[in-house]
Amino acid sequence: MRIKQVSVFVENESGRLEAILEALQREKISIRALSVSDTAEFGIARMILDNPDEGLKALRQDGFTTRIDWMLSAQIPDVPGGLLNSVAKPMAKAGINIKYFYAFIGQVGENKAMVVFKPDDIEKAEEVLKSLSVGS
């Protein structure tokens, strides 16, 4: 399933994550998944929000540089090899590169997990997931 991700580019300094979270709290935006990575000078906070368009607006109002990207989310078996056999192997077999991914917290049921990932070919990746009956 396609899902919007909000990316926020911030200086790598104390208090910047707090400012992001305060902007979202002020507008009553909930974070469903979060990944933060850094370099020496800047960081990228990638988020799945319950209202991505309003979250983007709130962050931009507070002066943050932001972007929305389409991602894929997939419900996979929560067993050893679940990610390997449900996502990694099928994407590699189809020649699709996964640029990055992270876990998605949701109410998905017993023995299930969610992942969010950025493929280099979203349409092709979506078809691979559909053919495997992997999705949400």
N, C-alpha and C. Protein backbone atom coordinates (compact mmCIF):
# COMPACT_ATOMS: atom_id res chain seq x y z
N MET A 1 0.84 -1.17 0.00
CA MET A 1 0.00 0.00 0.00
C MET A 1 0.89 1.24 0.00
N ARG A 2 0.54 2.21 -0.79
CA ARG A 2 1.28 3.47 -0.81
C ARG A 2 0.93 4.30 0.42
N ILE A 3 1.95 4.99 0.92
CA ILE A 3 1.78 5.80 2.11
C ILE A 3 2.70 7.01 2.00
N LYS A 4 2.23 8.16 2.50
CA LYS A 4 3.04 9.38 2.45
C LYS A 4 4.01 9.42 3.63
N GLN A 5 5.24 9.80 3.32
CA GLN A 5 6.25 10.01 4.34
C GLN A 5 6.65 11.48 4.33
N VAL A 6 6.75 12.08 5.51
CA VAL A 6 7.23 13.45 5.64
C VAL A 6 8.68 13.39 6.08
N SER A 7 9.57 14.04 5.33
CA SER A 7 10.98 14.14 5.69
C SER A 7 11.26 15.56 6.12
N VAL A 8 12.03 15.70 7.20
CA VAL A 8 12.40 17.00 7.74
C VAL A 8 13.92 17.06 7.81
N PHE A 9 14.50 18.08 7.20
CA PHE A 9 15.94 18.26 7.19
C PHE A 9 16.29 19.29 8.26
N VAL A 10 17.16 18.90 9.19
CA VAL A 10 17.47 19.77 10.33
C VAL A 10 18.96 19.78 10.63
N GLU A 11 19.39 20.86 11.26
CA GLU A 11 20.77 20.94 11.72
C GLU A 11 20.96 19.89 12.81
N ASN A 12 22.13 19.31 12.84
CA ASN A 12 22.44 18.30 13.84
C ASN A 12 22.90 18.99 15.11
N GLU A 13 21.92 19.48 15.88
CA GLU A 13 22.22 20.18 17.13
C GLU A 13 21.10 19.95 18.14
N SER A 14 21.43 20.17 19.37
CA SER A 14 20.50 19.94 20.48
C SER A 14 19.22 20.76 20.31
N GLY A 15 18.09 20.12 20.59
CA GLY A 15 16.80 20.81 20.59
C GLY A 15 16.04 20.78 19.27
N ARG A 16 16.65 20.33 18.20
CA ARG A 16 15.96 20.35 16.90
C ARG A 16 14.85 19.30 16.84
N LEU A 17 15.08 18.10 17.37
CA LEU A 17 14.02 17.09 17.39
C LEU A 17 12.87 17.58 18.26
N GLU A 18 13.19 18.20 19.38
CA GLU A 18 12.17 18.75 20.25
C GLU A 18 11.29 19.75 19.50
N ALA A 19 11.90 20.61 18.71
CA ALA A 19 11.15 21.62 17.96
C ALA A 19 10.22 20.97 16.92
N ILE A 20 10.68 19.90 16.29
CA ILE A 20 9.84 19.17 15.33
C ILE A 20 8.62 18.60 16.05
N LEU A 21 8.88 17.95 17.17
CA LEU A 21 7.80 17.31 17.92
C LEU A 21 6.81 18.33 18.48
N GLU A 22 7.31 19.48 18.89
CA GLU A 22 6.42 20.54 19.40
C GLU A 22 5.51 21.07 18.30
N ALA A 23 6.05 21.23 17.09
CA ALA A 23 5.23 21.71 15.96
C ALA A 23 4.10 20.72 15.68
N LEU A 24 4.40 19.44 15.72
CA LEU A 24 3.38 18.42 15.47
C LEU A 24 2.37 18.35 16.61
N GLN A 25 2.85 18.43 17.84
CA GLN A 25 1.94 18.39 18.99
C GLN A 25 0.97 19.56 18.96
N ARG A 26 1.47 20.73 18.64
CA ARG A 26 0.63 21.93 18.60
C ARG A 26 -0.56 21.74 17.66
N GLU A 27 -0.35 21.04 16.57
CA GLU A 27 -1.42 20.80 15.58
C GLU A 27 -2.11 19.47 15.78
N LYS A 28 -1.78 18.78 16.89
CA LYS A 28 -2.40 17.50 17.23
C LYS A 28 -2.17 16.43 16.16
N ILE A 29 -0.94 16.39 15.64
CA ILE A 29 -0.54 15.40 14.63
C ILE A 29 0.18 14.27 15.35
N SER A 30 -0.26 13.03 15.11
CA SER A 30 0.37 11.86 15.72
C SER A 30 1.38 11.24 14.78
N ILE A 31 2.47 10.78 15.36
CA ILE A 31 3.51 10.08 14.61
C ILE A 31 3.22 8.59 14.68
N ARG A 32 3.14 7.96 13.52
CA ARG A 32 2.89 6.52 13.45
C ARG A 32 4.19 5.73 13.33
N ALA A 33 5.21 6.32 12.69
CA ALA A 33 6.53 5.71 12.55
C ALA A 33 7.54 6.83 12.41
N LEU A 34 8.77 6.58 12.90
CA LEU A 34 9.80 7.61 12.90
C LEU A 34 11.16 6.97 12.70
N SER A 35 11.95 7.58 11.83
CA SER A 35 13.34 7.18 11.62
C SER A 35 14.16 8.46 11.57
N VAL A 36 15.24 8.50 12.35
CA VAL A 36 16.11 9.67 12.34
C VAL A 36 17.52 9.19 12.01
N SER A 37 18.14 9.85 11.02
CA SER A 37 19.52 9.55 10.66
C SER A 37 20.30 10.85 10.65
N ASP A 38 21.62 10.74 10.76
CA ASP A 38 22.40 11.97 10.84
C ASP A 38 23.72 11.86 10.09
N THR A 39 24.27 13.04 9.83
CA THR A 39 25.64 13.20 9.36
C THR A 39 26.26 14.20 10.33
N ALA A 40 27.46 14.65 10.05
CA ALA A 40 28.11 15.61 10.95
C ALA A 40 27.35 16.92 11.05
N GLU A 41 26.76 17.38 9.96
CA GLU A 41 26.13 18.70 9.94
C GLU A 41 24.61 18.70 10.02
N PHE A 42 23.95 17.68 9.50
CA PHE A 42 22.50 17.72 9.47
C PHE A 42 21.92 16.33 9.71
N GLY A 43 20.63 16.33 9.98
CA GLY A 43 19.90 15.09 10.17
C GLY A 43 18.65 15.08 9.32
N ILE A 44 18.11 13.89 9.13
CA ILE A 44 16.85 13.74 8.42
C ILE A 44 15.91 12.93 9.31
N ALA A 45 14.79 13.53 9.64
CA ALA A 45 13.73 12.83 10.37
C ALA A 45 12.69 12.41 9.35
N ARG A 46 12.46 11.13 9.22
CA ARG A 46 11.46 10.59 8.30
C ARG A 46 10.31 10.07 9.14
N MET A 47 9.10 10.51 8.78
CA MET A 47 7.95 10.19 9.63
C MET A 47 6.73 9.79 8.81
N ILE A 48 6.00 8.85 9.36
CA ILE A 48 4.67 8.54 8.88
C ILE A 48 3.74 9.19 9.91
N LEU A 49 2.89 10.10 9.44
CA LEU A 49 2.01 10.86 10.31
C LEU A 49 0.56 10.50 10.05
N ASP A 50 -0.29 10.69 11.05
CA ASP A 50 -1.71 10.41 10.85
C ASP A 50 -2.35 11.42 9.90
N ASN A 51 -1.74 12.59 9.75
CA ASN A 51 -2.22 13.60 8.81
C ASN A 51 -0.99 14.27 8.19
N PRO A 52 -0.41 13.64 7.15
CA PRO A 52 0.85 14.14 6.60
C PRO A 52 0.76 15.55 6.00
N ASP A 53 -0.34 15.89 5.37
CA ASP A 53 -0.44 17.22 4.77
C ASP A 53 -0.47 18.32 5.82
N GLU A 54 -1.21 18.11 6.89
CA GLU A 54 -1.24 19.10 7.97
C GLU A 54 0.08 19.12 8.74
N GLY A 55 0.70 17.96 8.88
CA GLY A 55 2.01 17.90 9.53
C GLY A 55 3.05 18.68 8.74
N LEU A 56 3.03 18.51 7.43
CA LEU A 56 3.94 19.25 6.56
C LEU A 56 3.73 20.75 6.71
N LYS A 57 2.49 21.16 6.71
CA LYS A 57 2.14 22.58 6.87
C LYS A 57 2.65 23.14 8.19
N ALA A 58 2.45 22.41 9.29
CA ALA A 58 2.89 22.85 10.62
C ALA A 58 4.41 22.99 10.67
N LEU A 59 5.11 22.03 10.11
CA LEU A 59 6.57 22.06 10.12
C LEU A 59 7.11 23.21 9.28
N ARG A 60 6.51 23.43 8.13
CA ARG A 60 6.95 24.54 7.27
C ARG A 60 6.68 25.89 7.93
N GLN A 61 5.56 25.99 8.64
CA GLN A 61 5.25 27.24 9.36
C GLN A 61 6.32 27.54 10.41
N ASP A 62 6.94 26.49 10.95
CA ASP A 62 7.99 26.69 11.95
C ASP A 62 9.38 26.79 11.31
N GLY A 63 9.42 26.90 10.00
CA GLY A 63 10.68 27.15 9.30
C GLY A 63 11.49 25.93 8.92
N PHE A 64 10.92 24.75 9.04
CA PHE A 64 11.66 23.54 8.67
C PHE A 64 11.61 23.30 7.17
N THR A 65 12.69 22.76 6.65
CA THR A 65 12.74 22.32 5.26
C THR A 65 12.18 20.91 5.23
N THR A 66 11.13 20.70 4.44
CA THR A 66 10.42 19.42 4.45
C THR A 66 10.18 18.92 3.03
N ARG A 67 9.81 17.66 2.96
CA ARG A 67 9.46 17.05 1.68
C ARG A 67 8.52 15.88 1.96
N ILE A 68 7.62 15.64 1.02
CA ILE A 68 6.76 14.44 1.10
C ILE A 68 7.20 13.47 0.00
N ASP A 69 7.33 12.21 0.39
CA ASP A 69 7.66 11.14 -0.56
C ASP A 69 6.61 10.05 -0.43
N TRP A 70 6.37 9.37 -1.53
CA TRP A 70 5.53 8.18 -1.48
C TRP A 70 6.39 6.99 -1.14
N MET A 71 5.91 6.19 -0.22
CA MET A 71 6.59 4.98 0.23
C MET A 71 5.62 3.81 0.05
N LEU A 72 6.12 2.63 0.27
CA LEU A 72 5.25 1.45 0.33
C LEU A 72 5.25 0.93 1.76
N SER A 73 4.11 0.49 2.22
CA SER A 73 4.04 -0.20 3.50
C SER A 73 3.55 -1.62 3.21
N ALA A 74 4.03 -2.55 3.99
CA ALA A 74 3.66 -3.94 3.78
C ALA A 74 3.52 -4.63 5.12
N GLN A 75 2.49 -5.41 5.24
CA GLN A 75 2.29 -6.26 6.40
C GLN A 75 3.00 -7.57 6.10
N ILE A 76 3.91 -7.96 6.98
CA ILE A 76 4.71 -9.16 6.75
C ILE A 76 4.62 -10.08 7.96
N PRO A 77 4.94 -11.34 7.78
CA PRO A 77 4.94 -12.26 8.92
C PRO A 77 6.02 -11.86 9.92
N ASP A 78 5.68 -11.87 11.19
CA ASP A 78 6.63 -11.56 12.25
C ASP A 78 7.27 -12.86 12.71
N VAL A 79 8.12 -13.40 11.84
CA VAL A 79 8.83 -14.66 12.09
C VAL A 79 10.25 -14.49 11.55
N PRO A 80 11.18 -15.32 12.01
CA PRO A 80 12.52 -15.26 11.43
C PRO A 80 12.43 -15.44 9.91
N GLY A 81 13.04 -14.54 9.17
CA GLY A 81 13.00 -14.59 7.72
C GLY A 81 11.80 -13.89 7.11
N GLY A 82 10.92 -13.32 7.93
CA GLY A 82 9.73 -12.65 7.40
C GLY A 82 10.06 -11.52 6.44
N LEU A 83 10.96 -10.64 6.84
CA LEU A 83 11.37 -9.52 5.99
C LEU A 83 12.13 -10.03 4.77
N LEU A 84 13.00 -11.00 4.98
CA LEU A 84 13.78 -11.58 3.89
C LEU A 84 12.88 -12.16 2.80
N ASN A 85 11.95 -13.01 3.21
CA ASN A 85 11.14 -13.73 2.23
C ASN A 85 9.95 -12.95 1.69
N SER A 86 9.47 -11.95 2.44
CA SER A 86 8.30 -11.19 2.01
C SER A 86 8.64 -9.91 1.26
N VAL A 87 9.84 -9.38 1.48
CA VAL A 87 10.20 -8.11 0.85
C VAL A 87 11.56 -8.19 0.15
N ALA A 88 12.63 -8.48 0.90
CA ALA A 88 13.98 -8.38 0.35
C ALA A 88 14.22 -9.29 -0.85
N LYS A 89 13.93 -10.56 -0.73
CA LYS A 89 14.16 -11.50 -1.84
C LYS A 89 13.28 -11.18 -3.06
N PRO A 90 11.96 -10.97 -2.87
CA PRO A 90 11.14 -10.67 -4.05
C PRO A 90 11.56 -9.38 -4.76
N MET A 91 11.96 -8.36 -4.00
CA MET A 91 12.38 -7.11 -4.64
C MET A 91 13.69 -7.31 -5.39
N ALA A 92 14.63 -8.02 -4.79
CA ALA A 92 15.90 -8.29 -5.46
C ALA A 92 15.68 -9.11 -6.73
N LYS A 93 14.81 -10.11 -6.65
CA LYS A 93 14.53 -10.96 -7.81
C LYS A 93 13.93 -10.13 -8.95
N ALA A 94 13.14 -9.11 -8.60
CA ALA A 94 12.52 -8.24 -9.61
C ALA A 94 13.45 -7.11 -10.05
N GLY A 95 14.65 -7.05 -9.47
CA GLY A 95 15.61 -6.01 -9.84
C GLY A 95 15.31 -4.65 -9.23
N ILE A 96 14.59 -4.66 -8.11
CA ILE A 96 14.20 -3.41 -7.45
C ILE A 96 15.13 -3.18 -6.26
N ASN A 97 15.71 -1.99 -6.21
CA ASN A 97 16.57 -1.60 -5.10
C ASN A 97 15.73 -0.98 -4.00
N ILE A 98 15.95 -1.40 -2.77
CA ILE A 98 15.31 -0.77 -1.61
C ILE A 98 16.30 0.26 -1.08
N LYS A 99 15.95 1.53 -1.21
CA LYS A 99 16.85 2.60 -0.80
C LYS A 99 16.98 2.67 0.71
N TYR A 100 15.89 2.52 1.44
CA TYR A 100 15.90 2.46 2.89
C TYR A 100 14.55 1.95 3.36
N PHE A 101 14.49 1.52 4.61
CA PHE A 101 13.23 1.08 5.19
C PHE A 101 13.30 1.21 6.70
N TYR A 102 12.15 1.13 7.33
CA TYR A 102 12.06 1.12 8.79
C TYR A 102 10.75 0.48 9.19
N ALA A 103 10.66 0.18 10.48
CA ALA A 103 9.46 -0.50 10.99
C ALA A 103 8.33 0.49 11.14
N PHE A 104 7.14 0.01 10.96
CA PHE A 104 5.92 0.81 11.07
C PHE A 104 5.11 0.20 12.19
N ILE A 105 4.79 0.99 13.18
CA ILE A 105 4.02 0.49 14.32
C ILE A 105 2.54 0.67 14.02
N GLY A 106 1.84 -0.40 14.07
CA GLY A 106 0.40 -0.33 13.82
C GLY A 106 -0.28 -1.53 14.44
N GLN A 107 -1.56 -1.53 14.39
CA GLN A 107 -2.32 -2.65 14.91
C GLN A 107 -2.56 -3.61 13.76
N VAL A 108 -1.63 -4.55 13.62
CA VAL A 108 -1.66 -5.42 12.45
C VAL A 108 -2.02 -6.87 12.77
N GLY A 109 -2.16 -7.18 14.02
CA GLY A 109 -2.56 -8.53 14.35
C GLY A 109 -1.42 -9.38 14.87
N GLU A 110 -1.78 -10.52 15.38
CA GLU A 110 -0.82 -11.43 15.96
C GLU A 110 0.12 -11.99 14.89
N ASN A 111 1.39 -12.09 15.25
CA ASN A 111 2.42 -12.63 14.37
C ASN A 111 2.57 -11.86 13.06
N LYS A 112 2.30 -10.56 13.10
CA LYS A 112 2.46 -9.71 11.93
C LYS A 112 3.31 -8.50 12.32
N ALA A 113 4.03 -7.96 11.37
CA ALA A 113 4.81 -6.74 11.55
C ALA A 113 4.58 -5.88 10.33
N MET A 114 4.90 -4.61 10.45
CA MET A 114 4.77 -3.69 9.32
C MET A 114 6.14 -3.10 9.01
N VAL A 115 6.41 -2.91 7.74
CA VAL A 115 7.61 -2.20 7.31
C VAL A 115 7.19 -1.11 6.34
N VAL A 116 8.00 -0.07 6.28
CA VAL A 116 7.83 1.02 5.32
C VAL A 116 9.13 1.07 4.56
N PHE A 117 9.06 1.12 3.22
CA PHE A 117 10.30 1.16 2.47
C PHE A 117 10.19 2.02 1.22
N LYS A 118 11.34 2.50 0.78
CA LYS A 118 11.45 3.37 -0.40
C LYS A 118 12.13 2.58 -1.50
N PRO A 119 11.35 2.09 -2.46
CA PRO A 119 11.96 1.39 -3.60
C PRO A 119 12.34 2.37 -4.70
N ASP A 120 13.25 1.98 -5.56
CA ASP A 120 13.61 2.87 -6.66
C ASP A 120 12.56 2.85 -7.78
N ASP A 121 11.67 1.87 -7.77
CA ASP A 121 10.58 1.80 -8.75
C ASP A 121 9.31 1.41 -7.99
N ILE A 122 8.56 2.41 -7.56
CA ILE A 122 7.42 2.17 -6.66
C ILE A 122 6.31 1.37 -7.35
N GLU A 123 6.06 1.64 -8.64
CA GLU A 123 5.01 0.91 -9.34
C GLU A 123 5.34 -0.57 -9.45
N LYS A 124 6.58 -0.86 -9.84
CA LYS A 124 7.00 -2.26 -9.99
C LYS A 124 6.99 -2.96 -8.63
N ALA A 125 7.48 -2.28 -7.59
CA ALA A 125 7.51 -2.87 -6.25
C ALA A 125 6.09 -3.16 -5.76
N GLU A 126 5.17 -2.26 -6.04
CA GLU A 126 3.78 -2.46 -5.64
C GLU A 126 3.21 -3.70 -6.32
N GLU A 127 3.52 -3.90 -7.58
CA GLU A 127 3.04 -5.09 -8.30
C GLU A 127 3.64 -6.37 -7.72
N VAL A 128 4.92 -6.32 -7.33
CA VAL A 128 5.55 -7.49 -6.72
C VAL A 128 4.83 -7.85 -5.43
N LEU A 129 4.56 -6.85 -4.59
CA LEU A 129 3.86 -7.12 -3.33
C LEU A 129 2.47 -7.70 -3.58
N LYS A 130 1.75 -7.12 -4.55
CA LYS A 130 0.41 -7.63 -4.86
C LYS A 130 0.46 -9.08 -5.32
N SER A 131 1.48 -9.42 -6.13
CA SER A 131 1.57 -10.78 -6.64
C SER A 131 1.86 -11.79 -5.53
N LEU A 132 2.47 -11.32 -4.46
CA LEU A 132 2.77 -12.18 -3.31
C LEU A 132 1.71 -12.13 -2.24
N SER A 133 0.68 -11.33 -2.46
CA SER A 133 -0.37 -11.08 -1.47
C SER A 133 0.21 -10.53 -0.17
N VAL A 134 1.25 -9.67 -0.29
CA VAL A 134 1.86 -9.01 0.86
C VAL A 134 1.41 -7.58 0.79
N GLY A 135 0.83 -7.09 1.85
CA GLY A 135 0.35 -5.70 1.88
C GLY A 135 -0.41 -5.44 3.14
N SER A 136 -1.10 -4.31 3.13
CA SER A 136 -1.87 -3.98 4.33
C SER A 136 -3.28 -3.58 3.97
